[in-house]
């Protein structure tokens, strides 16, 4: 795997984990490695979408366990499956 891909994955993982020190560390490495802000933002946006989907999926599970009818639409549900990331 190339270094750019590794850094983008690390930035996405740091975003999903809410780890500010990790994000700052890999952001510095990414900028030093020539990554553009638009590339970094795309990784952050994708990680945020996955995180939001996971959060809504657990809320749906909890609602189901409690007998609640409310179900949240998942952000990347492809209408074929009920997974948070299609």
N, C-alpha and C. Protein backbone atom coordinates (compact mmCIF):
# COMPACT_ATOMS: atom_id res chain seq x y z
N UNK A 1 0.86 -1.18 0.00
CA UNK A 1 0.00 0.00 0.00
C UNK A 1 0.90 1.24 0.00
N UNK A 2 0.53 2.22 -0.79
CA UNK A 2 1.34 3.42 -0.86
C UNK A 2 1.15 4.29 0.39
N UNK A 3 2.11 5.17 0.62
CA UNK A 3 2.12 6.00 1.83
C UNK A 3 0.91 6.93 1.91
N UNK A 4 0.50 7.48 0.78
CA UNK A 4 -0.66 8.38 0.75
C UNK A 4 -1.91 7.65 1.25
N UNK A 5 -2.13 6.45 0.76
CA UNK A 5 -3.30 5.67 1.20
C UNK A 5 -3.23 5.38 2.69
N UNK A 6 -2.05 5.02 3.17
CA UNK A 6 -1.89 4.74 4.60
C UNK A 6 -2.25 5.97 5.44
N UNK A 7 -1.77 7.12 5.02
CA UNK A 7 -2.05 8.35 5.77
C UNK A 7 -3.53 8.69 5.75
N UNK A 8 -4.18 8.52 4.62
CA UNK A 8 -5.61 8.81 4.54
C UNK A 8 -6.41 7.85 5.42
N UNK A 9 -6.01 6.59 5.46
CA UNK A 9 -6.67 5.63 6.34
C UNK A 9 -6.47 6.03 7.80
N UNK A 10 -5.26 6.40 8.16
CA UNK A 10 -4.97 6.83 9.53
C UNK A 10 -5.80 8.06 9.91
N UNK A 11 -5.93 9.00 9.01
CA UNK A 11 -6.74 10.19 9.29
C UNK A 11 -8.21 9.82 9.46
N UNK A 12 -8.70 8.93 8.63
CA UNK A 12 -10.08 8.47 8.76
C UNK A 12 -10.30 7.74 10.07
N UNK A 13 -9.36 6.87 10.43
CA UNK A 13 -9.49 6.12 11.69
C UNK A 13 -9.44 7.06 12.88
N UNK A 14 -8.55 8.04 12.84
CA UNK A 14 -8.46 9.01 13.94
C UNK A 14 -9.76 9.80 14.06
N UNK A 15 -10.36 10.15 12.94
CA UNK A 15 -11.63 10.86 12.94
C UNK A 15 -12.72 10.00 13.57
N UNK A 16 -12.84 8.76 13.13
CA UNK A 16 -13.87 7.87 13.65
C UNK A 16 -13.68 7.57 15.13
N UNK A 17 -12.42 7.57 15.58
CA UNK A 17 -12.12 7.29 16.99
C UNK A 17 -12.15 8.54 17.86
N UNK A 18 -12.39 9.69 17.26
CA UNK A 18 -12.36 10.97 17.99
C UNK A 18 -11.03 11.20 18.69
N UNK A 19 -9.95 10.78 18.06
CA UNK A 19 -8.62 10.91 18.67
C UNK A 19 -7.91 12.14 18.10
N UNK A 20 -8.03 13.24 18.81
CA UNK A 20 -7.41 14.49 18.34
C UNK A 20 -5.89 14.37 18.24
N UNK A 21 -5.20 13.82 19.26
CA UNK A 21 -3.74 13.70 19.11
C UNK A 21 -3.33 12.85 17.91
N UNK A 22 -4.07 11.78 17.65
CA UNK A 22 -3.77 10.94 16.48
C UNK A 22 -3.99 11.73 15.20
N UNK A 23 -5.12 12.44 15.13
CA UNK A 23 -5.41 13.21 13.93
C UNK A 23 -4.34 14.26 13.70
N UNK A 24 -3.95 14.98 14.75
CA UNK A 24 -2.92 16.02 14.60
C UNK A 24 -1.60 15.41 14.12
N UNK A 25 -1.25 14.26 14.66
CA UNK A 25 0.00 13.59 14.27
C UNK A 25 -0.03 13.24 12.78
N UNK A 26 -1.09 12.55 12.36
CA UNK A 26 -1.16 12.12 10.96
C UNK A 26 -1.45 13.27 10.00
N UNK A 27 -2.12 14.31 10.49
CA UNK A 27 -2.34 15.49 9.65
C UNK A 27 -0.99 16.13 9.30
N UNK A 28 -0.13 16.26 10.30
CA UNK A 28 1.21 16.81 10.05
C UNK A 28 1.99 15.97 9.05
N UNK A 29 1.92 14.64 9.20
CA UNK A 29 2.60 13.76 8.27
C UNK A 29 1.99 13.86 6.87
N UNK A 30 0.68 13.98 6.80
CA UNK A 30 0.00 14.07 5.51
C UNK A 30 0.39 15.36 4.79
N UNK A 31 0.39 16.47 5.50
CA UNK A 31 0.76 17.74 4.88
C UNK A 31 2.22 17.71 4.44
N UNK A 32 3.09 17.15 5.29
CA UNK A 32 4.51 17.04 4.92
C UNK A 32 4.70 16.12 3.72
N UNK A 33 3.81 15.16 3.57
CA UNK A 33 3.87 14.23 2.45
C UNK A 33 3.20 14.74 1.18
N UNK A 34 2.68 15.96 1.23
CA UNK A 34 2.11 16.57 0.03
C UNK A 34 0.63 16.35 -0.20
N UNK A 35 -0.07 15.77 0.77
CA UNK A 35 -1.51 15.59 0.59
C UNK A 35 -2.21 16.94 0.62
N UNK A 36 -3.21 17.08 -0.20
CA UNK A 36 -3.98 18.32 -0.29
C UNK A 36 -5.14 18.29 0.71
N UNK A 37 -5.55 19.47 1.14
CA UNK A 37 -6.67 19.56 2.09
C UNK A 37 -7.92 18.87 1.57
N UNK A 38 -8.18 18.96 0.27
CA UNK A 38 -9.37 18.34 -0.30
C UNK A 38 -9.31 16.81 -0.15
N UNK A 39 -8.13 16.22 -0.27
CA UNK A 39 -7.98 14.77 -0.09
C UNK A 39 -8.21 14.38 1.37
N UNK A 40 -7.66 15.18 2.26
CA UNK A 40 -7.83 14.92 3.69
C UNK A 40 -9.29 15.07 4.08
N UNK A 41 -9.94 16.10 3.57
CA UNK A 41 -11.35 16.33 3.89
C UNK A 41 -12.22 15.18 3.41
N UNK A 42 -11.90 14.62 2.25
CA UNK A 42 -12.67 13.49 1.75
C UNK A 42 -12.56 12.29 2.69
N UNK A 43 -11.36 12.02 3.19
CA UNK A 43 -11.17 10.92 4.15
C UNK A 43 -11.94 11.19 5.44
N UNK A 44 -11.91 12.43 5.91
CA UNK A 44 -12.65 12.81 7.12
C UNK A 44 -14.15 12.66 6.90
N UNK A 45 -14.64 13.10 5.76
CA UNK A 45 -16.07 13.00 5.47
C UNK A 45 -16.53 11.55 5.40
N UNK A 46 -15.74 10.69 4.77
CA UNK A 46 -16.09 9.27 4.68
C UNK A 46 -16.11 8.63 6.06
N UNK A 47 -15.10 8.94 6.87
CA UNK A 47 -15.05 8.39 8.23
C UNK A 47 -16.24 8.87 9.05
N UNK A 48 -16.60 10.12 8.88
CA UNK A 48 -17.75 10.67 9.61
C UNK A 48 -19.04 10.00 9.20
N UNK A 49 -19.18 9.68 7.91
CA UNK A 49 -20.38 9.00 7.43
C UNK A 49 -20.47 7.60 8.02
N UNK A 50 -19.37 6.88 8.05
CA UNK A 50 -19.36 5.54 8.64
C UNK A 50 -19.68 5.61 10.12
N UNK A 51 -19.08 6.58 10.82
CA UNK A 51 -19.33 6.72 12.25
C UNK A 51 -20.80 7.04 12.51
N UNK A 52 -21.36 7.94 11.71
CA UNK A 52 -22.77 8.30 11.88
C UNK A 52 -23.66 7.08 11.64
N UNK A 53 -23.34 6.30 10.62
CA UNK A 53 -24.11 5.09 10.33
C UNK A 53 -24.06 4.10 11.47
N UNK A 54 -22.89 3.92 12.04
CA UNK A 54 -22.75 3.00 13.17
C UNK A 54 -23.55 3.48 14.37
N UNK A 55 -23.53 4.79 14.61
CA UNK A 55 -24.29 5.36 15.73
C UNK A 55 -25.79 5.16 15.54
N UNK A 56 -26.27 5.43 14.34
CA UNK A 56 -27.70 5.24 14.08
C UNK A 56 -28.09 3.77 14.12
N UNK A 57 -27.19 2.88 13.70
CA UNK A 57 -27.48 1.44 13.76
C UNK A 57 -27.65 0.98 15.20
N UNK A 58 -26.81 1.46 16.11
CA UNK A 58 -26.95 1.06 17.52
C UNK A 58 -28.22 1.67 18.10
N UNK A 59 -28.57 2.89 17.70
CA UNK A 59 -29.83 3.48 18.17
C UNK A 59 -31.02 2.65 17.69
N UNK A 60 -30.98 2.18 16.44
CA UNK A 60 -32.06 1.32 15.93
C UNK A 60 -32.13 0.02 16.71
N UNK A 61 -30.98 -0.55 17.02
CA UNK A 61 -30.94 -1.79 17.80
C UNK A 61 -31.55 -1.58 19.18
N UNK A 62 -31.16 -0.50 19.85
CA UNK A 62 -31.69 -0.19 21.18
C UNK A 62 -33.19 0.03 21.11
N UNK A 63 -33.64 0.79 20.13
CA UNK A 63 -35.08 1.02 19.97
C UNK A 63 -35.82 -0.30 19.77
N UNK A 64 -35.25 -1.19 18.97
CA UNK A 64 -35.87 -2.49 18.75
C UNK A 64 -35.95 -3.31 20.02
N UNK A 65 -34.88 -3.31 20.80
CA UNK A 65 -34.87 -4.04 22.07
C UNK A 65 -35.90 -3.50 23.05
N UNK A 66 -36.15 -2.19 22.98
CA UNK A 66 -37.11 -1.56 23.88
C UNK A 66 -38.52 -1.56 23.32
N UNK A 67 -38.70 -2.14 22.13
CA UNK A 67 -40.02 -2.20 21.53
C UNK A 67 -40.49 -0.90 20.92
N UNK A 68 -39.57 0.00 20.65
CA UNK A 68 -39.90 1.28 20.03
C UNK A 68 -40.00 1.09 18.51
N UNK A 69 -40.94 1.76 17.91
CA UNK A 69 -41.14 1.64 16.46
C UNK A 69 -40.20 2.55 15.66
N UNK A 70 -39.66 3.58 16.31
CA UNK A 70 -38.83 4.54 15.58
C UNK A 70 -37.57 3.87 15.05
N UNK A 71 -37.33 4.09 13.75
CA UNK A 71 -36.12 3.58 13.13
C UNK A 71 -35.49 4.70 12.32
N UNK A 72 -34.20 4.90 12.51
CA UNK A 72 -33.47 5.95 11.82
C UNK A 72 -32.97 5.43 10.47
N UNK A 73 -33.06 6.27 9.45
CA UNK A 73 -32.49 5.94 8.15
C UNK A 73 -30.98 6.03 8.26
N UNK A 74 -30.29 5.04 7.75
CA UNK A 74 -28.84 5.03 7.81
C UNK A 74 -28.28 5.80 6.63
N UNK A 75 -27.21 6.59 6.84
CA UNK A 75 -26.73 7.51 5.81
C UNK A 75 -26.22 6.85 4.54
N UNK A 76 -25.77 5.64 4.63
CA UNK A 76 -25.25 5.01 3.42
C UNK A 76 -25.98 3.70 3.13
N UNK A 77 -27.23 3.62 3.56
CA UNK A 77 -28.04 2.45 3.29
C UNK A 77 -28.37 2.43 1.80
N UNK A 78 -28.03 1.35 1.14
CA UNK A 78 -28.26 1.28 -0.30
C UNK A 78 -29.64 0.72 -0.65
N UNK A 79 -30.53 0.69 0.32
CA UNK A 79 -31.90 0.22 0.15
C UNK A 79 -31.99 -1.28 -0.13
N UNK A 80 -30.87 -1.98 -0.16
CA UNK A 80 -30.88 -3.42 -0.37
C UNK A 80 -30.57 -4.13 0.94
N UNK A 81 -29.65 -3.56 1.71
CA UNK A 81 -29.26 -4.18 2.98
C UNK A 81 -29.53 -3.20 4.10
N UNK A 82 -29.44 -3.67 5.33
CA UNK A 82 -29.63 -2.81 6.49
C UNK A 82 -28.32 -2.55 7.21
N UNK A 83 -27.20 -2.68 6.53
CA UNK A 83 -25.93 -2.39 7.17
C UNK A 83 -25.67 -0.89 7.11
N UNK A 84 -24.81 -0.41 7.99
CA UNK A 84 -24.59 1.04 8.05
C UNK A 84 -23.77 1.55 6.87
N UNK A 85 -23.09 0.69 6.20
CA UNK A 85 -22.23 1.15 5.11
C UNK A 85 -22.53 0.45 3.79
N UNK A 86 -23.76 0.01 3.64
CA UNK A 86 -24.19 -0.56 2.38
C UNK A 86 -23.65 -1.92 2.15
